[in-house]
């Protein structure tokens, strides 16, 4: 078992993420994991992620607030307990268009090791 306490989580930065506080909960530098990592992000009002894609699938769950997710083909507004899957290499942009902080859980697989 590997337990991390929310109060002890360390923030990390990612390019193209604005007015956000991101905390790694499990995996990567937050502890051992063989297949995935888990993080939580807090988006301030107006906080956003620039349009981008990665080869890894992403799953977002809104824990509090309202989050707008946009892809090349559609836009969805997620509210508390709503979730969204972003496919590998799918371009996505996230934005908090409200005056309340949004809290989002993110689950992603770890990148495949180079062959």
PDB file of N, CA and C in Angstrom:
ATOM      1  N   UNK A   1       0.854  -1.179   0.000  1.00  0.00           N
ATOM      2  CA  UNK A   1       0.000   0.000   0.000  1.00  0.00           C
ATOM      3  C   UNK A   1       0.899   1.241   0.000  1.00  0.00           C
ATOM      4  N   UNK A   2       0.492   2.232  -0.761  1.00  0.00           N
ATOM      5  CA  UNK A   2       1.210   3.511  -0.784  1.00  0.00           C
ATOM      6  C   UNK A   2       0.184   4.624  -0.600  1.00  0.00           C
ATOM      7  N   UNK A   3       0.227   5.290   0.543  1.00  0.00           N
ATOM      8  CA  UNK A   3      -0.731   6.351   0.873  1.00  0.00           C
ATOM      9  C   UNK A   3      -0.055   7.705   0.713  1.00  0.00           C
ATOM     10  N   UNK A   4      -0.730   8.628   0.047  1.00  0.00           N
ATOM     11  CA  UNK A   4      -0.319  10.029  -0.017  1.00  0.00           C
ATOM     12  C   UNK A   4      -1.428  10.865   0.593  1.00  0.00           C
ATOM     13  N   UNK A   5      -1.065  11.783   1.465  1.00  0.00           N
ATOM     14  CA  UNK A   5      -2.033  12.692   2.082  1.00  0.00           C
ATOM     15  C   UNK A   5      -2.125  13.964   1.239  1.00  0.00           C
ATOM     16  N   UNK A   6      -3.351  14.439   1.022  1.00  0.00           N
ATOM     17  CA  UNK A   6      -3.560  15.623   0.204  1.00  0.00           C
ATOM     18  C   UNK A   6      -2.708  16.797   0.688  1.00  0.00           C
ATOM     19  N   UNK A   7      -2.615  16.970   1.990  1.00  0.00           N
ATOM     20  CA  UNK A   7      -1.846  18.090   2.566  1.00  0.00           C
ATOM     21  C   UNK A   7      -0.365  18.028   2.212  1.00  0.00           C
ATOM     22  N   UNK A   8       0.132  16.842   1.850  1.00  0.00           N
ATOM     23  CA  UNK A   8       1.556  16.671   1.569  1.00  0.00           C
ATOM     24  C   UNK A   8       1.891  16.654   0.078  1.00  0.00           C
ATOM     25  N   UNK A   9       0.896  16.738  -0.794  1.00  0.00           N
ATOM     26  CA  UNK A   9       1.152  16.662  -2.230  1.00  0.00           C
ATOM     27  C   UNK A   9       1.964  17.858  -2.705  1.00  0.00           C
ATOM     28  N   UNK A  10       2.819  17.616  -3.693  1.00  0.00           N
ATOM     29  CA  UNK A  10       3.677  18.660  -4.245  1.00  0.00           C
ATOM     30  C   UNK A  10       3.121  19.117  -5.593  1.00  0.00           C
ATOM     31  N   UNK A  11       3.083  20.437  -5.814  1.00  0.00           N
ATOM     32  CA  UNK A  11       2.613  20.934  -7.112  1.00  0.00           C
ATOM     33  C   UNK A  11       3.618  20.636  -8.212  1.00  0.00           C
ATOM     34  N   UNK A  12       3.117  20.558  -9.427  1.00  0.00           N
ATOM     35  CA  UNK A  12       3.980  20.420 -10.597  1.00  0.00           C
ATOM     36  C   UNK A  12       3.494  21.391 -11.667  1.00  0.00           C
ATOM     37  N   UNK A  13       4.318  21.667 -12.631  1.00  0.00           N
ATOM     38  CA  UNK A  13       3.993  22.579 -13.722  1.00  0.00           C
ATOM     39  C   UNK A  13       3.919  21.798 -15.031  1.00  0.00           C
ATOM     40  N   UNK A  14       3.130  22.309 -15.952  1.00  0.00           N
ATOM     41  CA  UNK A  14       3.030  21.713 -17.275  1.00  0.00           C
ATOM     42  C   UNK A  14       2.854  22.844 -18.284  1.00  0.00           C
ATOM     43  N   UNK A  15       3.568  22.800 -19.409  1.00  0.00           N
ATOM     44  CA  UNK A  15       3.449  23.871 -20.396  1.00  0.00           C
ATOM     45  C   UNK A  15       2.018  24.026 -20.888  1.00  0.00           C
ATOM     46  N   UNK A  16       1.606  25.254 -21.136  1.00  0.00           N
ATOM     47  CA  UNK A  16       0.279  25.519 -21.692  1.00  0.00           C
ATOM     48  C   UNK A  16      -0.842  25.485 -20.680  1.00  0.00           C
ATOM     49  N   UNK A  17      -0.529  25.352 -19.396  1.00  0.00           N
ATOM     50  CA  UNK A  17      -1.531  25.344 -18.330  1.00  0.00           C
ATOM     51  C   UNK A  17      -1.451  26.692 -17.609  1.00  0.00           C
ATOM     52  N   UNK A  18      -2.571  27.421 -17.548  1.00  0.00           N
ATOM     53  CA  UNK A  18      -2.570  28.787 -17.039  1.00  0.00           C
ATOM     54  C   UNK A  18      -3.559  28.942 -15.884  1.00  0.00           C
ATOM     55  N   UNK A  19      -3.132  29.665 -14.843  1.00  0.00           N
ATOM     56  CA  UNK A  19      -3.966  29.914 -13.652  1.00  0.00           C
ATOM     57  C   UNK A  19      -4.515  28.605 -13.085  1.00  0.00           C
ATOM     58  N   UNK A  20      -3.593  27.664 -12.923  1.00  0.00           N
ATOM     59  CA  UNK A  20      -3.942  26.345 -12.398  1.00  0.00           C
ATOM     60  C   UNK A  20      -2.932  25.941 -11.330  1.00  0.00           C
ATOM     61  N   UNK A  21      -3.406  25.145 -10.381  1.00  0.00           N
ATOM     62  CA  UNK A  21      -2.522  24.480  -9.426  1.00  0.00           C
ATOM     63  C   UNK A  21      -2.746  22.994  -9.633  1.00  0.00           C
ATOM     64  N   UNK A  22      -1.665  22.299  -9.982  1.00  0.00           N
ATOM     65  CA  UNK A  22      -1.753  20.875 -10.292  1.00  0.00           C
ATOM     66  C   UNK A  22      -0.954  20.095  -9.254  1.00  0.00           C
ATOM     67  N   UNK A  23      -1.561  19.040  -8.733  1.00  0.00           N
ATOM     68  CA  UNK A  23      -0.936  18.204  -7.719  1.00  0.00           C
ATOM     69  C   UNK A  23      -0.964  16.758  -8.184  1.00  0.00           C
ATOM     70  N   UNK A  24       0.167  16.091  -8.127  1.00  0.00           N
ATOM     71  CA  UNK A  24       0.232  14.673  -8.471  1.00  0.00           C
ATOM     72  C   UNK A  24      -0.144  13.885  -7.219  1.00  0.00           C
ATOM     73  N   UNK A  25      -1.125  12.987  -7.348  1.00  0.00           N
ATOM     74  CA  UNK A  25      -1.609  12.216  -6.200  1.00  0.00           C
ATOM     75  C   UNK A  25      -0.943  10.851  -6.092  1.00  0.00           C
ATOM     76  N   UNK A  26      -0.755  10.194  -7.220  1.00  0.00           N
ATOM     77  CA  UNK A  26      -0.126   8.873  -7.264  1.00  0.00           C
ATOM     78  C   UNK A  26       0.632   8.755  -8.574  1.00  0.00           C
ATOM     79  N   UNK A  27       1.658   7.937  -8.584  1.00  0.00           N
ATOM     80  CA  UNK A  27       2.442   7.713  -9.789  1.00  0.00           C
ATOM     81  C   UNK A  27       3.462   8.811 -10.007  1.00  0.00           C
ATOM     82  N   UNK A  28       4.359   8.563 -10.965  1.00  0.00           N
ATOM     83  CA  UNK A  28       5.468   9.477 -11.248  1.00  0.00           C
ATOM     84  C   UNK A  28       6.199   9.801  -9.953  1.00  0.00           C
ATOM     85  N   UNK A  29       6.479  11.083  -9.679  1.00  0.00           N
ATOM     86  CA  UNK A  29       7.232  11.424  -8.472  1.00  0.00           C
ATOM     87  C   UNK A  29       6.407  11.282  -7.194  1.00  0.00           C
ATOM     88  N   UNK A  30       5.103  11.034  -7.303  1.00  0.00           N
ATOM     89  CA  UNK A  30       4.239  10.893  -6.125  1.00  0.00           C
ATOM     90  C   UNK A  30       4.229   9.474  -5.566  1.00  0.00           C
ATOM     91  N   UNK A  31       4.925   8.551  -6.202  1.00  0.00           N
ATOM     92  CA  UNK A  31       4.985   7.199  -5.664  1.00  0.00           C
ATOM     93  C   UNK A  31       4.926   6.149  -6.745  1.00  0.00           C
ATOM     94  N   UNK A  32       5.074   4.920  -6.338  1.00  0.00           N
ATOM     95  CA  UNK A  32       5.150   3.828  -7.310  1.00  0.00           C
ATOM     96  C   UNK A  32       3.825   3.588  -8.034  1.00  0.00           C
ATOM     97  N   UNK A  33       3.942   3.338  -9.319  1.00  0.00           N
ATOM     98  CA  UNK A  33       2.809   2.917 -10.138  1.00  0.00           C
ATOM     99  C   UNK A  33       3.375   2.315 -11.408  1.00  0.00           C
ATOM    100  N   UNK A  34       2.815   1.216 -11.841  1.00  0.00           N
ATOM    101  CA  UNK A  34       3.320   0.546 -13.030  1.00  0.00           C
ATOM    102  C   UNK A  34       2.600   0.958 -14.306  1.00  0.00           C
ATOM    103  N   UNK A  35       1.356   1.445 -14.189  1.00  0.00           N
ATOM    104  CA  UNK A  35       0.576   1.664 -15.408  1.00  0.00           C
ATOM    105  C   UNK A  35      -0.044   3.044 -15.546  1.00  0.00           C
ATOM    106  N   UNK A  36      -0.257   3.760 -14.435  1.00  0.00           N
ATOM    107  CA  UNK A  36      -0.968   5.032 -14.551  1.00  0.00           C
ATOM    108  C   UNK A  36      -0.514   6.012 -13.490  1.00  0.00           C
ATOM    109  N   UNK A  37      -0.928   7.271 -13.674  1.00  0.00           N
ATOM    110  CA  UNK A  37      -0.741   8.269 -12.632  1.00  0.00           C
ATOM    111  C   UNK A  37      -2.047   9.034 -12.466  1.00  0.00           C
ATOM    112  N   UNK A  38      -2.184   9.654 -11.291  1.00  0.00           N
ATOM    113  CA  UNK A  38      -3.417  10.330 -10.916  1.00  0.00           C
ATOM    114  C   UNK A  38      -3.068  11.711 -10.378  1.00  0.00           C
ATOM    115  N   UNK A  39      -3.805  12.722 -10.834  1.00  0.00           N
ATOM    116  CA  UNK A  39      -3.562  14.072 -10.356  1.00  0.00           C
ATOM    117  C   UNK A  39      -4.859  14.808 -10.119  1.00  0.00           C
ATOM    118  N   UNK A  40      -4.757  15.906  -9.392  1.00  0.00           N
ATOM    119  CA  UNK A  40      -5.905  16.779  -9.176  1.00  0.00           C
ATOM    120  C   UNK A  40      -5.465  18.195  -9.528  1.00  0.00           C
ATOM    121  N   UNK A  41      -6.332  18.896 -10.251  1.00  0.00           N
ATOM    122  CA  UNK A  41      -6.041  20.258 -10.672  1.00  0.00           C
ATOM    123  C   UNK A  41      -7.113  21.192 -10.165  1.00  0.00           C
ATOM    124  N   UNK A  42      -6.670  22.379  -9.781  1.00  0.00           N
ATOM    125  CA  UNK A  42      -7.575  23.449  -9.375  1.00  0.00           C
ATOM    126  C   UNK A  42      -7.410  24.574 -10.386  1.00  0.00           C
ATOM    127  N   UNK A  43      -8.482  24.877 -11.110  1.00  0.00           N
ATOM    128  CA  UNK A  43      -8.464  25.940 -12.115  1.00  0.00           C
ATOM    129  C   UNK A  43      -9.153  27.166 -11.542  1.00  0.00           C
ATOM    130  N   UNK A  44      -8.420  28.251 -11.441  1.00  0.00           N
ATOM    131  CA  UNK A  44      -9.004  29.508 -11.001  1.00  0.00           C
ATOM    132  C   UNK A  44      -9.975  30.017 -12.062  1.00  0.00           C
ATOM    133  N   UNK A  45     -10.849  30.969 -11.735  1.00  0.00           N
ATOM    134  CA  UNK A  45     -11.684  31.562 -12.764  1.00  0.00           C
ATOM    135  C   UNK A  45     -10.813  32.063 -13.921  1.00  0.00           C
ATOM    136  N   UNK A  46     -11.180  31.682 -15.128  1.00  0.00           N
ATOM    137  CA  UNK A  46     -10.392  32.031 -16.308  1.00  0.00           C
ATOM    138  C   UNK A  46      -9.229  31.090 -16.562  1.00  0.00           C
ATOM    139  N   UNK A  47      -8.932  30.193 -15.636  1.00  0.00           N
ATOM    140  CA  UNK A  47      -7.850  29.230 -15.822  1.00  0.00           C
ATOM    141  C   UNK A  47      -8.139  28.343 -17.019  1.00  0.00           C
ATOM    142  N   UNK A  48      -7.069  27.938 -17.701  1.00  0.00           N
ATOM    143  CA  UNK A  48      -7.293  27.139 -18.907  1.00  0.00           C
ATOM    144  C   UNK A  48      -6.046  26.355 -19.310  1.00  0.00           C
ATOM    145  N   UNK A  49      -6.271  25.404 -20.196  1.00  0.00           N
ATOM    146  CA  UNK A  49      -5.214  24.638 -20.842  1.00  0.00           C
ATOM    147  C   UNK A  49      -5.308  24.949 -22.334  1.00  0.00           C
ATOM    148  N   UNK A  50      -4.186  25.366 -22.915  1.00  0.00           N
ATOM    149  CA  UNK A  50      -4.136  25.628 -24.351  1.00  0.00           C
ATOM    150  C   UNK A  50      -4.460  24.355 -25.134  1.00  0.00           C
ATOM    151  N   UNK A  51      -5.024  24.484 -26.340  1.00  0.00           N
ATOM    152  CA  UNK A  51      -5.288  23.294 -27.154  1.00  0.00           C
ATOM    153  C   UNK A  51      -3.996  22.503 -27.385  1.00  0.00           C
ATOM    154  N   UNK A  52      -4.056  21.214 -27.086  1.00  0.00           N
ATOM    155  CA  UNK A  52      -2.903  20.333 -27.283  1.00  0.00           C
ATOM    156  C   UNK A  52      -3.372  18.889 -27.236  1.00  0.00           C
ATOM    157  N   UNK A  53      -2.475  17.995 -27.631  1.00  0.00           N
ATOM    158  CA  UNK A  53      -2.765  16.561 -27.621  1.00  0.00           C
ATOM    159  C   UNK A  53      -1.535  15.823 -27.129  1.00  0.00           C
ATOM    160  N   UNK A  54      -1.744  14.608 -26.664  1.00  0.00           N
ATOM    161  CA  UNK A  54      -0.635  13.741 -26.278  1.00  0.00           C
ATOM    162  C   UNK A  54      -0.985  12.315 -26.678  1.00  0.00           C
ATOM    163  N   UNK A  55       0.003  11.445 -26.774  1.00  0.00           N
ATOM    164  CA  UNK A  55      -0.290  10.073 -27.196  1.00  0.00           C
ATOM    165  C   UNK A  55      -1.021   9.243 -26.134  1.00  0.00           C
ATOM    166  N   UNK A  56      -1.156   9.795 -24.932  1.00  0.00           N
ATOM    167  CA  UNK A  56      -1.825   9.044 -23.860  1.00  0.00           C
ATOM    168  C   UNK A  56      -3.295   9.456 -23.732  1.00  0.00           C
ATOM    169  N   UNK A  57      -4.137   8.474 -23.463  1.00  0.00           N
ATOM    170  CA  UNK A  57      -5.546   8.704 -23.149  1.00  0.00           C
ATOM    171  C   UNK A  57      -5.639   9.483 -21.832  1.00  0.00           C
ATOM    172  N   UNK A  58      -6.669  10.336 -21.693  1.00  0.00           N
ATOM    173  CA  UNK A  58      -6.890  11.090 -20.462  1.00  0.00           C
ATOM    174  C   UNK A  58      -8.334  10.896 -20.020  1.00  0.00           C
ATOM    175  N   UNK A  59      -8.529  10.793 -18.718  1.00  0.00           N
ATOM    176  CA  UNK A  59      -9.883  10.764 -18.173  1.00  0.00           C
ATOM    177  C   UNK A  59      -9.976  11.850 -17.115  1.00  0.00           C
ATOM    178  N   UNK A  60     -10.942  12.760 -17.302  1.00  0.00           N
ATOM    179  CA  UNK A  60     -11.182  13.860 -16.375  1.00  0.00           C
ATOM    180  C   UNK A  60     -12.483  13.600 -15.617  1.00  0.00           C
ATOM    181  N   UNK A  61     -12.485  13.898 -14.305  1.00  0.00           N
ATOM    182  CA  UNK A  61     -13.689  13.847 -13.481  1.00  0.00           C
ATOM    183  C   UNK A  61     -13.774  15.174 -12.735  1.00  0.00           C
ATOM    184  N   UNK A  62     -14.881  15.893 -12.897  1.00  0.00           N
ATOM    185  CA  UNK A  62     -15.052  17.154 -12.176  1.00  0.00           C
ATOM    186  C   UNK A  62     -15.522  16.836 -10.763  1.00  0.00           C
ATOM    187  N   UNK A  63     -14.728  17.258  -9.780  1.00  0.00           N
ATOM    188  CA  UNK A  63     -15.074  17.038  -8.375  1.00  0.00           C
ATOM    189  C   UNK A  63     -15.869  18.206  -7.808  1.00  0.00           C
ATOM    190  N   UNK A  64     -15.621  19.411  -8.345  1.00  0.00           N
ATOM    191  CA  UNK A  64     -16.348  20.587  -7.885  1.00  0.00           C
ATOM    192  C   UNK A  64     -16.278  21.662  -8.966  1.00  0.00           C
ATOM    193  N   UNK A  65     -17.373  22.373  -9.169  1.00  0.00           N
ATOM    194  CA  UNK A  65     -17.398  23.462 -10.132  1.00  0.00           C
ATOM    195  C   UNK A  65     -17.900  23.028 -11.493  1.00  0.00           C
ATOM    196  N   UNK A  66     -17.527  23.824 -12.507  1.00  0.00           N
ATOM    197  CA  UNK A  66     -18.002  23.622 -13.871  1.00  0.00           C
ATOM    198  C   UNK A  66     -16.837  23.849 -14.826  1.00  0.00           C
ATOM    199  N   UNK A  67     -16.577  22.879 -15.691  1.00  0.00           N
ATOM    200  CA  UNK A  67     -15.428  22.906 -16.587  1.00  0.00           C
ATOM    201  C   UNK A  67     -15.889  22.755 -18.030  1.00  0.00           C
ATOM    202  N   UNK A  68     -15.367  23.605 -18.901  1.00  0.00           N
ATOM    203  CA  UNK A  68     -15.647  23.499 -20.335  1.00  0.00           C
ATOM    204  C   UNK A  68     -14.479  22.780 -20.995  1.00  0.00           C
ATOM    205  N   UNK A  69     -14.793  21.707 -21.728  1.00  0.00           N
ATOM    206  CA  UNK A  69     -13.792  20.953 -22.480  1.00  0.00           C
ATOM    207  C   UNK A  69     -14.155  21.053 -23.959  1.00  0.00           C
ATOM    208  N   UNK A  70     -13.154  21.423 -24.753  1.00  0.00           N
ATOM    209  CA  UNK A  70     -13.378  21.586 -26.185  1.00  0.00           C
ATOM    210  C   UNK A  70     -12.404  20.709 -26.960  1.00  0.00           C
ATOM    211  N   UNK A  71     -12.913  20.010 -27.968  1.00  0.00           N
ATOM    212  CA  UNK A  71     -12.085  19.260 -28.908  1.00  0.00           C
ATOM    213  C   UNK A  71     -12.297  19.882 -30.286  1.00  0.00           C
ATOM    214  N   UNK A  72     -11.670  19.299 -31.299  1.00  0.00           N
ATOM    215  CA  UNK A  72     -11.871  19.809 -32.660  1.00  0.00           C
ATOM    216  C   UNK A  72     -13.315  19.671 -33.125  1.00  0.00           C
ATOM    217  N   UNK A  73     -14.046  18.716 -32.539  1.00  0.00           N
ATOM    218  CA  UNK A  73     -15.387  18.430 -33.055  1.00  0.00           C
ATOM    219  C   UNK A  73     -16.534  18.819 -32.125  1.00  0.00           C
ATOM    220  N   UNK A  74     -16.255  19.082 -30.839  1.00  0.00           N
ATOM    221  CA  UNK A  74     -17.372  19.399 -29.944  1.00  0.00           C
ATOM    222  C   UNK A  74     -16.898  20.113 -28.683  1.00  0.00           C
ATOM    223  N   UNK A  75     -17.866  20.684 -27.977  1.00  0.00           N
ATOM    224  CA  UNK A  75     -17.630  21.340 -26.699  1.00  0.00           C
ATOM    225  C   UNK A  75     -18.615  20.766 -25.700  1.00  0.00           C
ATOM    226  N   UNK A  76     -18.130  20.489 -24.481  1.00  0.00           N
ATOM    227  CA  UNK A  76     -18.996  19.974 -23.422  1.00  0.00           C
ATOM    228  C   UNK A  76     -18.717  20.743 -22.139  1.00  0.00           C
ATOM    229  N   UNK A  77     -19.776  20.991 -21.376  1.00  0.00           N
ATOM    230  CA  UNK A  77     -19.640  21.592 -20.053  1.00  0.00           C
ATOM    231  C   UNK A  77     -19.868  20.483 -19.036  1.00  0.00           C
ATOM    232  N   UNK A  78     -18.845  20.230 -18.224  1.00  0.00           N
ATOM    233  CA  UNK A  78     -18.927  19.188 -17.199  1.00  0.00           C
ATOM    234  C   UNK A  78     -19.176  19.825 -15.844  1.00  0.00           C
ATOM    235  N   UNK A  79     -20.051  19.204 -15.075  1.00  0.00           N
ATOM    236  CA  UNK A  79     -20.340  19.651 -13.712  1.00  0.00           C
ATOM    237  C   UNK A  79     -19.959  18.540 -12.738  1.00  0.00           C
ATOM    238  N   UNK A  80     -20.161  18.805 -11.458  1.00  0.00           N
ATOM    239  CA  UNK A  80     -19.723  17.867 -10.424  1.00  0.00           C
ATOM    240  C   UNK A  80     -20.137  16.433 -10.749  1.00  0.00           C
ATOM    241  N   UNK A  81     -19.164  15.536 -10.686  1.00  0.00           N
ATOM    242  CA  UNK A  81     -19.252  14.093 -10.910  1.00  0.00           C
ATOM    243  C   UNK A  81     -19.367  13.707 -12.382  1.00  0.00           C
ATOM    244  N   UNK A  82     -19.417  14.676 -13.300  1.00  0.00           N
ATOM    245  CA  UNK A  82     -19.372  14.356 -14.726  1.00  0.00           C
ATOM    246  C   UNK A  82     -17.947  13.965 -15.091  1.00  0.00           C
ATOM    247  N   UNK A  83     -17.809  13.128 -16.110  1.00  0.00           N
ATOM    248  CA  UNK A  83     -16.479  12.704 -16.554  1.00  0.00           C
ATOM    249  C   UNK A  83     -16.387  12.779 -18.071  1.00  0.00           C
ATOM    250  N   UNK A  84     -15.134  12.769 -18.551  1.00  0.00           N
ATOM    251  CA  UNK A  84     -14.886  12.863 -19.976  1.00  0.00           C
ATOM    252  C   UNK A  84     -13.613  12.096 -20.311  1.00  0.00           C
ATOM    253  N   UNK A  85     -13.664  11.312 -21.371  1.00  0.00           N
ATOM    254  CA  UNK A  85     -12.474  10.625 -21.885  1.00  0.00           C
ATOM    255  C   UNK A  85     -11.975  11.386 -23.104  1.00  0.00           C
ATOM    256  N   UNK A  86     -10.681  11.636 -23.121  1.00  0.00           N
ATOM    257  CA  UNK A  86     -10.019  12.212 -24.287  1.00  0.00           C
ATOM    258  C   UNK A  86      -9.144  11.108 -24.878  1.00  0.00           C
ATOM    259  N   UNK A  87      -9.362  10.795 -26.139  1.00  0.00           N
ATOM    260  CA  UNK A  87      -8.645   9.699 -26.794  1.00  0.00           C
ATOM    261  C   UNK A  87      -7.178  10.067 -27.023  1.00  0.00           C
ATOM    262  N   UNK A  88      -6.321   9.072 -27.194  1.00  0.00           N
ATOM    263  CA  UNK A  88      -4.932   9.366 -27.542  1.00  0.00           C
ATOM    264  C   UNK A  88      -4.861  10.253 -28.787  1.00  0.00           C
ATOM    265  N   UNK A  89      -4.000  11.256 -28.738  1.00  0.00           N
ATOM    266  CA  UNK A  89      -3.757  12.198 -29.838  1.00  0.00           C
ATOM    267  C   UNK A  89      -4.946  13.101 -30.176  1.00  0.00           C
ATOM    268  N   UNK A  90      -5.989  13.098 -29.354  1.00  0.00           N
ATOM    269  CA  UNK A  90      -7.124  13.994 -29.567  1.00  0.00           C
ATOM    270  C   UNK A  90      -6.769  15.371 -28.976  1.00  0.00           C
ATOM    271  N   UNK A  91      -6.925  16.412 -29.778  1.00  0.00           N
ATOM    272  CA  UNK A  91      -6.658  17.767 -29.291  1.00  0.00           C
ATOM    273  C   UNK A  91      -7.783  18.181 -28.356  1.00  0.00           C
ATOM    274  N   UNK A  92      -7.384  18.742 -27.204  1.00  0.00           N
ATOM    275  CA  UNK A  92      -8.374  19.200 -26.246  1.00  0.00           C
ATOM    276  C   UNK A  92      -7.904  20.510 -25.622  1.00  0.00           C
ATOM    277  N   UNK A  93      -8.882  21.325 -25.221  1.00  0.00           N
ATOM    278  CA  UNK A  93      -8.631  22.543 -24.461  1.00  0.00           C
ATOM    279  C   UNK A  93      -9.614  22.547 -23.297  1.00  0.00           C
ATOM    280  N   UNK A  94      -9.155  22.985 -22.136  1.00  0.00           N
ATOM    281  CA  UNK A  94     -10.000  23.073 -20.952  1.00  0.00           C
ATOM    282  C   UNK A  94     -10.059  24.523 -20.516  1.00  0.00           C
ATOM    283  N   UNK A  95     -11.222  24.941 -19.971  1.00  0.00           N
ATOM    284  CA  UNK A  95     -11.333  26.309 -19.482  1.00  0.00           C
ATOM    285  C   UNK A  95     -12.365  26.398 -18.371  1.00  0.00           C
ATOM    286  N   UNK A  96     -12.024  27.190 -17.362  1.00  0.00           N
ATOM    287  CA  UNK A  96     -12.981  27.543 -16.326  1.00  0.00           C
ATOM    288  C   UNK A  96     -13.590  28.880 -16.713  1.00  0.00           C
ATOM    289  N   UNK A  97     -14.826  28.857 -17.183  1.00  0.00           N
ATOM    290  CA  UNK A  97     -15.506  30.077 -17.626  1.00  0.00           C
ATOM    291  C   UNK A  97     -16.407  30.657 -16.542  1.00  0.00           C
ATOM    292  N   UNK A  98     -16.242  30.203 -15.299  1.00  0.00           N
ATOM    293  CA  UNK A  98     -17.081  30.673 -14.198  1.00  0.00           C
ATOM    294  C   UNK A  98     -16.243  31.531 -13.240  1.00  0.00           C
ATOM    295  N   UNK A  99     -16.889  32.011 -12.195  1.00  0.00           N
ATOM    296  CA  UNK A  99     -16.204  32.787 -11.156  1.00  0.00           C
ATOM    297  C   UNK A  99     -15.863  31.946  -9.931  1.00  0.00           C
ATOM    298  N   UNK A 100     -15.987  30.619 -10.041  1.00  0.00           N
ATOM    299  CA  UNK A 100     -15.648  29.700  -8.951  1.00  0.00           C
ATOM    300  C   UNK A 100     -14.475  28.828  -9.382  1.00  0.00           C
ATOM    301  N   UNK A 101     -13.660  28.432  -8.429  1.00  0.00           N
ATOM    302  CA  UNK A 101     -12.582  27.491  -8.713  1.00  0.00           C
ATOM    303  C   UNK A 101     -13.176  26.140  -9.106  1.00  0.00           C
ATOM    304  N   UNK A 102     -12.567  25.494 -10.088  1.00  0.00           N
ATOM    305  CA  UNK A 102     -12.968  24.157 -10.525  1.00  0.00           C
ATOM    306  C   UNK A 102     -11.916  23.170 -10.035  1.00  0.00           C
ATOM    307  N   UNK A 103     -12.360  22.027  -9.512  1.00  0.00           N
ATOM    308  CA  UNK A 103     -11.455  20.973  -9.070  1.00  0.00           C
ATOM    309  C   UNK A 103     -11.697  19.753  -9.954  1.00  0.00           C
ATOM    310  N   UNK A 104     -10.610  19.275 -10.591  1.00  0.00           N
ATOM    311  CA  UNK A 104     -10.709  18.198 -11.574  1.00  0.00           C
ATOM    312  C   UNK A 104      -9.718  17.089 -11.229  1.00  0.00           C
ATOM    313  N   UNK A 105     -10.176  15.852 -11.268  1.00  0.00           N
ATOM    314  CA  UNK A 105      -9.326  14.681 -11.120  1.00  0.00           C
ATOM    315  C   UNK A 105      -8.909  14.223 -12.515  1.00  0.00           C
ATOM    316  N   UNK A 106      -7.633  13.893 -12.676  1.00  0.00           N
ATOM    317  CA  UNK A 106      -7.105  13.435 -13.967  1.00  0.00           C
ATOM    318  C   UNK A 106      -6.441  12.082 -13.773  1.00  0.00           C
ATOM    319  N   UNK A 107      -6.796  11.123 -14.624  1.00  0.00           N
ATOM    320  CA  UNK A 107      -6.137   9.813 -14.655  1.00  0.00           C
ATOM    321  C   UNK A 107      -5.558   9.619 -16.045  1.00  0.00           C
ATOM    322  N   UNK A 108      -4.257   9.227 -16.075  1.00  0.00           N
ATOM    323  CA  UNK A 108      -3.579   9.000 -17.363  1.00  0.00           C
ATOM    324  C   UNK A 108      -2.657   7.807 -17.228  1.00  0.00           C
ATOM    325  N   UNK A 109      -2.515   7.037 -18.323  1.00  0.00           N
ATOM    326  CA  UNK A 109      -1.511   5.976 -18.296  1.00  0.00           C
ATOM    327  C   UNK A 109      -0.116   6.589 -18.325  1.00  0.00           C
ATOM    328  N   UNK A 110       0.823   5.866 -17.784  1.00  0.00           N
ATOM    329  CA  UNK A 110       2.215   6.276 -17.907  1.00  0.00           C
ATOM    330  C   UNK A 110       2.667   6.064 -19.338  1.00  0.00           C
ATOM    331  N   UNK A 111       3.562   6.904 -19.847  1.00  0.00           N
ATOM    332  CA  UNK A 111       4.063   6.674 -21.213  1.00  0.00           C
ATOM    333  C   UNK A 111       4.714   5.303 -21.332  1.00  0.00           C
ATOM    334  N   UNK A 112       4.545   4.702 -22.498  1.00  0.00           N
ATOM    335  CA  UNK A 112       5.168   3.394 -22.732  1.00  0.00           C
ATOM    336  C   UNK A 112       6.686   3.555 -22.803  1.00  0.00           C
ATOM    337  N   UNK A 113       7.430   2.649 -22.191  1.00  0.00           N
ATOM    338  CA  UNK A 113       8.884   2.745 -22.243  1.00  0.00           C
ATOM    339  C   UNK A 113       9.399   2.650 -23.690  1.00  0.00           C
ATOM    340  N   UNK A 114      10.464   3.365 -23.963  1.00  0.00           N
ATOM    341  CA  UNK A 114      11.058   3.302 -25.292  1.00  0.00           C
ATOM    342  C   UNK A 114      11.593   1.898 -25.555  1.00  0.00           C
ATOM    343  N   UNK A 115      11.397   1.425 -26.760  1.00  0.00           N
ATOM    344  CA  UNK A 115      11.812   0.058 -27.093  1.00  0.00           C
ATOM    345  C   UNK A 115      13.306  -0.019 -27.350  1.00  0.00           C
TER     346      UNK A 115
END
